[in-house]
Amino acid sequence: MDRRWLAFRDQAGAPLNTPLRSSLPIGLNWRGGFLLGEEEIPALDEIVRSAAGQLGAAVAMWEAPTFVYGVAAQRDHTEIPFLLGVDPSAIPDEATDAVVRCGIGSSYAGWRQRTAQALAAWSVQTPRTADALEVDAVLRLADDDAVESWCRLFGMAVPVERELTPEDQAAMARAALAEAAERRRKRRSVDISW
């Protein structure tokens, strides 16, 4: 079964307009949660770009049975797509779209080094700044622990999926009502400047 989740910088008072079930703290000033719906890879990329634009930095992962596609982003920078848990000599057919989006090309080692450097630079936004060699080591992992190792490297935990409690549902309803009221207030206010 595929799992899609988003982690983002937690800034007090900053709104996040993404389709999350709920989010919990996963690291110092970072929250994470599972996404609603069955988005494909391009939609996942757009969700990360949007979250990074709103909050400064974000990362999303799509955990499939045979591969993990991830994308990290920060405001005003190009997003960084990456693969985890994949043996470069036996990339599964279902990962073809992810491989294309990552731009691996003919040199897997070259792609891995460029991606490790980009993720190391991005890591200044995370609870723990990582070195490019550490990131490269995690990108080489071809086992089931790759996602947990990746998160641990950046000082985060893997988000936990949990059922919504009635309190969660009430909070989500209140937040939706507050957003609707704010949109209505903005539509009704007329900006008159002479």
C-alpha atoms as a PDB file:
ATOM      1  CA  MET A   1       0.000   0.000   0.000  1.00  0.00           C
ATOM      2  CA  ASP A   2       1.304   3.442  -0.935  1.00  0.00           C
ATOM      3  CA  ARG A   3       1.703   6.110   1.735  1.00  0.00           C
ATOM      4  CA  ARG A   4       2.080   9.811   0.964  1.00  0.00           C
ATOM      5  CA  TRP A   5       3.121  12.289   3.635  1.00  0.00           C
ATOM      6  CA  LEU A   6       4.265  15.861   4.008  1.00  0.00           C
ATOM      7  CA  ALA A   7       6.615  17.428   6.572  1.00  0.00           C
ATOM      8  CA  PHE A   8       6.964  21.199   6.896  1.00  0.00           C
ATOM      9  CA  ARG A   9       8.429  23.952   9.032  1.00  0.00           C
ATOM     10  CA  ASP A  10       6.047  24.840  11.816  1.00  0.00           C
ATOM     11  CA  GLN A  11       5.684  28.605  12.022  1.00  0.00           C
ATOM     12  CA  ALA A  12       3.255  29.931  14.584  1.00  0.00           C
ATOM     13  CA  GLY A  13       0.286  31.609  12.969  1.00  0.00           C
ATOM     14  CA  ALA A  14       1.297  30.700   9.416  1.00  0.00           C
ATOM     15  CA  PRO A  15      -1.572  29.042   7.548  1.00  0.00           C
ATOM     16  CA  LEU A  16      -0.999  25.874   5.535  1.00  0.00           C
ATOM     17  CA  ASN A  17      -3.406  25.092   2.744  1.00  0.00           C
ATOM     18  CA  THR A  18      -2.695  21.441   1.996  1.00  0.00           C
ATOM     19  CA  PRO A  19      -4.860  18.326   2.058  1.00  0.00           C
ATOM     20  CA  LEU A  20      -3.480  16.830   5.317  1.00  0.00           C
ATOM     21  CA  ARG A  21      -5.424  14.476   7.557  1.00  0.00           C
ATOM     22  CA  SER A  22      -3.715  15.926  10.623  1.00  0.00           C
ATOM     23  CA  SER A  23      -0.178  16.852  11.566  1.00  0.00           C
ATOM     24  CA  LEU A  24       1.964  16.158  14.585  1.00  0.00           C
ATOM     25  CA  PRO A  25       5.387  17.444  15.679  1.00  0.00           C
ATOM     26  CA  ILE A  26       8.165  15.317  14.147  1.00  0.00           C
ATOM     27  CA  GLY A  27      11.196  17.467  14.977  1.00  0.00           C
ATOM     28  CA  LEU A  28      12.195  20.841  16.369  1.00  0.00           C
ATOM     29  CA  ASN A  29       9.850  23.339  14.658  1.00  0.00           C
ATOM     30  CA  TRP A  30       8.702  20.718  12.111  1.00  0.00           C
ATOM     31  CA  ARG A  31       5.357  18.976  11.744  1.00  0.00           C
ATOM     32  CA  GLY A  32       4.314  16.113   9.528  1.00  0.00           C
ATOM     33  CA  GLY A  33       1.199  14.294   8.456  1.00  0.00           C
ATOM     34  CA  PHE A  34      -0.314  12.052   5.830  1.00  0.00           C
ATOM     35  CA  LEU A  35      -1.914  13.501   2.724  1.00  0.00           C
ATOM     36  CA  LEU A  36      -5.520  12.952   1.764  1.00  0.00           C
ATOM     37  CA  GLY A  37      -6.291  11.547  -1.665  1.00  0.00           C
ATOM     38  CA  GLU A  38      -4.344   9.581  -4.212  1.00  0.00           C
ATOM     39  CA  GLU A  39      -2.181  12.273  -5.803  1.00  0.00           C
ATOM     40  CA  GLU A  40       0.293  11.297  -8.476  1.00  0.00           C
ATOM     41  CA  ILE A  41       3.901  12.475  -8.459  1.00  0.00           C
ATOM     42  CA  PRO A  42       3.290  15.852 -10.209  1.00  0.00           C
ATOM     43  CA  ALA A  43       0.579  16.704  -7.655  1.00  0.00           C
ATOM     44  CA  LEU A  44       2.926  15.755  -4.813  1.00  0.00           C
ATOM     45  CA  ASP A  45       5.554  18.104  -6.250  1.00  0.00           C
ATOM     46  CA  GLU A  46       2.998  20.925  -6.386  1.00  0.00           C
ATOM     47  CA  ILE A  47       1.922  20.321  -2.768  1.00  0.00           C
ATOM     48  CA  VAL A  48       5.555  20.586  -1.617  1.00  0.00           C
ATOM     49  CA  ARG A  49       6.155  23.758  -3.656  1.00  0.00           C
ATOM     50  CA  SER A  50       3.030  25.317  -2.175  1.00  0.00           C
ATOM     51  CA  ALA A  51       3.922  24.348   1.416  1.00  0.00           C
ATOM     52  CA  ALA A  52       7.499  25.611   1.007  1.00  0.00           C
ATOM     53  CA  GLY A  53       6.200  28.879  -0.442  1.00  0.00           C
ATOM     54  CA  GLN A  54       3.891  29.342   2.540  1.00  0.00           C
ATOM     55  CA  LEU A  55       6.185  28.166   5.359  1.00  0.00           C
ATOM     56  CA  GLY A  56       9.760  28.343   4.064  1.00  0.00           C
ATOM     57  CA  ALA A  57      10.627  24.642   3.717  1.00  0.00           C
ATOM     58  CA  ALA A  58       8.892  21.296   3.219  1.00  0.00           C
ATOM     59  CA  VAL A  59       9.482  17.732   2.131  1.00  0.00           C
ATOM     60  CA  ALA A  60       7.073  15.069   0.888  1.00  0.00           C
ATOM     61  CA  MET A  61       7.529  11.376   0.357  1.00  0.00           C
ATOM     62  CA  TRP A  62       5.637   8.756  -1.581  1.00  0.00           C
ATOM     63  CA  GLU A  63       6.383   5.360  -0.093  1.00  0.00           C
ATOM     64  CA  ALA A  64       5.510   2.637  -2.598  1.00  0.00           C
ATOM     65  CA  PRO A  65       6.223  -1.069  -1.993  1.00  0.00           C
ATOM     66  CA  THR A  66       9.278  -1.090  -4.306  1.00  0.00           C
ATOM     67  CA  PHE A  67      10.599   2.493  -4.141  1.00  0.00           C
ATOM     68  CA  VAL A  68      10.329   5.787  -2.272  1.00  0.00           C
ATOM     69  CA  TYR A  69      10.070   9.080  -4.161  1.00  0.00           C
ATOM     70  CA  GLY A  70      10.747  12.240  -2.218  1.00  0.00           C
ATOM     71  CA  VAL A  71      10.937  15.930  -2.986  1.00  0.00           C
ATOM     72  CA  ALA A  72      12.368  18.651  -0.749  1.00  0.00           C
ATOM     73  CA  ALA A  73      11.737  22.345  -1.321  1.00  0.00           C
ATOM     74  CA  GLN A  74      12.394  25.717   0.192  1.00  0.00           C
ATOM     75  CA  ARG A  75      11.000  29.130  -0.659  1.00  0.00           C
ATOM     76  CA  ASP A  76      12.460  30.727  -3.817  1.00  0.00           C
ATOM     77  CA  HIS A  77      14.600  27.671  -4.716  1.00  0.00           C
ATOM     78  CA  THR A  78      14.219  24.786  -7.125  1.00  0.00           C
ATOM     79  CA  GLU A  79      12.809  21.675  -5.497  1.00  0.00           C
ATOM     80  CA  ILE A  80      15.039  18.621  -5.071  1.00  0.00           C
ATOM     81  CA  PRO A  81      13.530  15.280  -6.149  1.00  0.00           C
ATOM     82  CA  PHE A  82      15.183  12.099  -4.885  1.00  0.00           C
ATOM     83  CA  LEU A  83      14.769   8.321  -4.643  1.00  0.00           C
ATOM     84  CA  LEU A  84      15.289   6.150  -1.573  1.00  0.00           C
ATOM     85  CA  GLY A  85      15.455   2.405  -1.074  1.00  0.00           C
ATOM     86  CA  VAL A  86      16.286   1.635  -4.705  1.00  0.00           C
ATOM     87  CA  ASP A  87      19.098  -0.504  -6.070  1.00  0.00           C
ATOM     88  CA  PRO A  88      20.423   1.398  -9.144  1.00  0.00           C
ATOM     89  CA  SER A  89      21.054  -1.859 -10.992  1.00  0.00           C
ATOM     90  CA  ALA A  90      17.439  -3.003 -10.531  1.00  0.00           C
ATOM     91  CA  ILE A  91      15.149   0.032 -10.610  1.00  0.00           C
ATOM     92  CA  PRO A  92      11.534  -1.230 -10.677  1.00  0.00           C
ATOM     93  CA  ASP A  93       9.329  -0.452 -13.675  1.00  0.00           C
ATOM     94  CA  GLU A  94       6.748   1.327 -11.506  1.00  0.00           C
ATOM     95  CA  ALA A  95       9.426   3.872 -10.534  1.00  0.00           C
ATOM     96  CA  THR A  96       9.923   5.054 -14.136  1.00  0.00           C
ATOM     97  CA  ASP A  97       8.067   8.354 -13.638  1.00  0.00           C
ATOM     98  CA  ALA A  98       9.990   9.034 -10.420  1.00  0.00           C
ATOM     99  CA  VAL A  99      13.317   8.308 -12.146  1.00  0.00           C
ATOM    100  CA  VAL A 100      12.432  10.748 -14.938  1.00  0.00           C
ATOM    101  CA  ARG A 101      11.418  13.458 -12.446  1.00  0.00           C
ATOM    102  CA  CYS A 102      14.682  12.962 -10.542  1.00  0.00           C
ATOM    103  CA  GLY A 103      16.682  13.416 -13.746  1.00  0.00           C
ATOM    104  CA  ILE A 104      19.006  10.516 -12.987  1.00  0.00           C
ATOM    105  CA  GLY A 105      20.212  10.114 -16.573  1.00  0.00           C
ATOM    106  CA  SER A 106      23.069   7.785 -17.487  1.00  0.00           C
ATOM    107  CA  SER A 107      25.184   8.313 -14.347  1.00  0.00           C
ATOM    108  CA  TYR A 108      23.491   7.228 -11.133  1.00  0.00           C
ATOM    109  CA  ALA A 109      26.611   8.113  -9.114  1.00  0.00           C
ATOM    110  CA  GLY A 110      26.713  11.630 -10.599  1.00  0.00           C
ATOM    111  CA  TRP A 111      23.014  12.162  -9.864  1.00  0.00           C
ATOM    112  CA  ARG A 112      23.459  10.860  -6.304  1.00  0.00           C
ATOM    113  CA  GLN A 113      26.355  13.251  -5.647  1.00  0.00           C
ATOM    114  CA  ARG A 114      24.500  16.294  -7.042  1.00  0.00           C
ATOM    115  CA  THR A 115      21.379  15.395  -5.083  1.00  0.00           C
ATOM    116  CA  ALA A 116      23.371  14.828  -1.877  1.00  0.00           C
ATOM    117  CA  GLN A 117      24.936  18.277  -2.192  1.00  0.00           C
ATOM    118  CA  ALA A 118      21.574  19.918  -2.875  1.00  0.00           C
ATOM    119  CA  LEU A 119      19.899  18.148   0.070  1.00  0.00           C
ATOM    120  CA  ALA A 120      22.820  19.068   2.355  1.00  0.00           C
ATOM    121  CA  ALA A 121      22.339  22.736   1.403  1.00  0.00           C
ATOM    122  CA  TRP A 122      18.556  22.399   1.967  1.00  0.00           C
ATOM    123  CA  SER A 123      19.176  20.872   5.408  1.00  0.00           C
ATOM    124  CA  VAL A 124      19.937  24.276   6.970  1.00  0.00           C
ATOM    125  CA  GLN A 125      16.126  24.545   7.164  1.00  0.00           C
ATOM    126  CA  THR A 126      15.778  21.285   9.135  1.00  0.00           C
ATOM    127  CA  PRO A 127      16.346  20.497  12.826  1.00  0.00           C
ATOM    128  CA  ARG A 128      19.753  18.968  11.991  1.00  0.00           C
ATOM    129  CA  THR A 129      22.083  20.191   9.258  1.00  0.00           C
ATOM    130  CA  ALA A 130      23.532  17.250   7.334  1.00  0.00           C
ATOM    131  CA  ASP A 131      26.802  16.868   5.462  1.00  0.00           C
ATOM    132  CA  ALA A 132      26.738  15.858   1.762  1.00  0.00           C
ATOM    133  CA  LEU A 133      28.616  12.630   2.564  1.00  0.00           C
ATOM    134  CA  GLU A 134      25.974  11.664   5.140  1.00  0.00           C
ATOM    135  CA  VAL A 135      23.189  12.362   2.663  1.00  0.00           C
ATOM    136  CA  ASP A 136      25.006  10.360  -0.014  1.00  0.00           C
ATOM    137  CA  ALA A 137      25.249   7.387   2.369  1.00  0.00           C
ATOM    138  CA  VAL A 138      21.483   7.469   2.969  1.00  0.00           C
ATOM    139  CA  LEU A 139      20.761   7.769  -0.769  1.00  0.00           C
ATOM    140  CA  ARG A 140      22.799   4.562  -1.259  1.00  0.00           C
ATOM    141  CA  LEU A 141      20.616   2.548   1.137  1.00  0.00           C
ATOM    142  CA  ALA A 142      18.531   0.016  -0.747  1.00  0.00           C
ATOM    143  CA  ASP A 143      16.536  -1.402   2.161  1.00  0.00           C
ATOM    144  CA  ASP A 144      13.306  -0.784   4.033  1.00  0.00           C
ATOM    145  CA  ASP A 145      14.980   1.482   6.612  1.00  0.00           C
ATOM    146  CA  ALA A 146      15.916   4.173   4.069  1.00  0.00           C
ATOM    147  CA  VAL A 147      13.030   6.529   4.966  1.00  0.00           C
ATOM    148  CA  GLU A 148      13.660   6.276   8.694  1.00  0.00           C
ATOM    149  CA  SER A 149      17.402   6.811   8.145  1.00  0.00           C
ATOM    150  CA  TRP A 150      16.687   9.831   5.912  1.00  0.00           C
ATOM    151  CA  CYS A 151      14.403  11.423   8.512  1.00  0.00           C
ATOM    152  CA  ARG A 152      16.808  10.694  11.363  1.00  0.00           C
ATOM    153  CA  LEU A 153      19.652  12.290   9.369  1.00  0.00           C
ATOM    154  CA  PHE A 154      17.738  15.592   9.274  1.00  0.00           C
ATOM    155  CA  GLY A 155      16.635  15.408  12.930  1.00  0.00           C
ATOM    156  CA  MET A 156      13.065  14.316  12.276  1.00  0.00           C
ATOM    157  CA  ALA A 157      10.886  11.296  12.896  1.00  0.00           C
ATOM    158  CA  VAL A 158       8.767   9.605  10.254  1.00  0.00           C
ATOM    159  CA  PRO A 159       5.199  10.935  10.585  1.00  0.00           C
ATOM    160  CA  VAL A 160       2.791   8.605  12.372  1.00  0.00           C
ATOM    161  CA  GLU A 161      -0.558   7.868  10.822  1.00  0.00           C
ATOM    162  CA  ARG A 162      -3.358   7.962  13.339  1.00  0.00           C
ATOM    163  CA  GLU A 163      -7.123   8.006  13.255  1.00  0.00           C
ATOM    164  CA  LEU A 164      -8.798  11.374  13.651  1.00  0.00           C
ATOM    165  CA  THR A 165     -10.363  11.883  17.057  1.00  0.00           C
ATOM    166  CA  PRO A 166     -13.584  13.871  17.467  1.00  0.00           C
ATOM    167  CA  GLU A 167     -11.434  16.721  18.825  1.00  0.00           C
ATOM    168  CA  ASP A 168      -9.315  16.639  15.639  1.00  0.00           C
ATOM    169  CA  GLN A 169     -12.412  16.755  13.474  1.00  0.00           C
ATOM    170  CA  ALA A 170     -13.830  19.648  15.500  1.00  0.00           C
ATOM    171  CA  ALA A 171     -10.544  21.562  15.216  1.00  0.00           C
ATOM    172  CA  MET A 172     -10.456  20.987  11.465  1.00  0.00           C
ATOM    173  CA  ALA A 173     -14.055  22.203  11.154  1.00  0.00           C
ATOM    174  CA  ARG A 174     -13.249  25.332  13.202  1.00  0.00           C
ATOM    175  CA  ALA A 175     -10.205  26.031  11.035  1.00  0.00           C
ATOM    176  CA  ALA A 176     -12.238  25.625   7.843  1.00  0.00           C
ATOM    177  CA  LEU A 177     -14.915  27.997   9.188  1.00  0.00           C
ATOM    178  CA  ALA A 178     -12.278  30.556  10.183  1.00  0.00           C
ATOM    179  CA  GLU A 179     -10.709  30.383   6.704  1.00  0.00           C
ATOM    180  CA  ALA A 180     -14.108  30.796   5.048  1.00  0.00           C
ATOM    181  CA  ALA A 181     -14.918  33.773   7.274  1.00  0.00           C
ATOM    182  CA  GLU A 182     -11.555  35.376   6.445  1.00  0.00           C
ATOM    183  CA  ARG A 183     -12.112  34.892   2.697  1.00  0.00           C
ATOM    184  CA  ARG A 184     -15.603  36.375   3.023  1.00  0.00           C
ATOM    185  CA  ARG A 185     -14.248  39.345   4.999  1.00  0.00           C
ATOM    186  CA  LYS A 186     -11.587  39.991   2.345  1.00  0.00           C
ATOM    187  CA  ARG A 187     -14.164  39.848  -0.464  1.00  0.00           C
ATOM    188  CA  ARG A 188     -16.404  42.356   1.329  1.00  0.00           C
ATOM    189  CA  SER A 189     -13.681  44.838   2.177  1.00  0.00           C
ATOM    190  CA  VAL A 190     -13.145  47.380  -0.521  1.00  0.00           C
ATOM    191  CA  ASP A 191      -9.732  48.870  -0.929  1.00  0.00           C
ATOM    192  CA  ILE A 192     -10.280  52.532  -1.778  1.00  0.00           C
ATOM    193  CA  SER A 193      -7.148  54.503  -2.455  1.00  0.00           C
ATOM    194  CA  TRP A 194      -7.244  57.911  -4.020  1.00  0.00           C
END
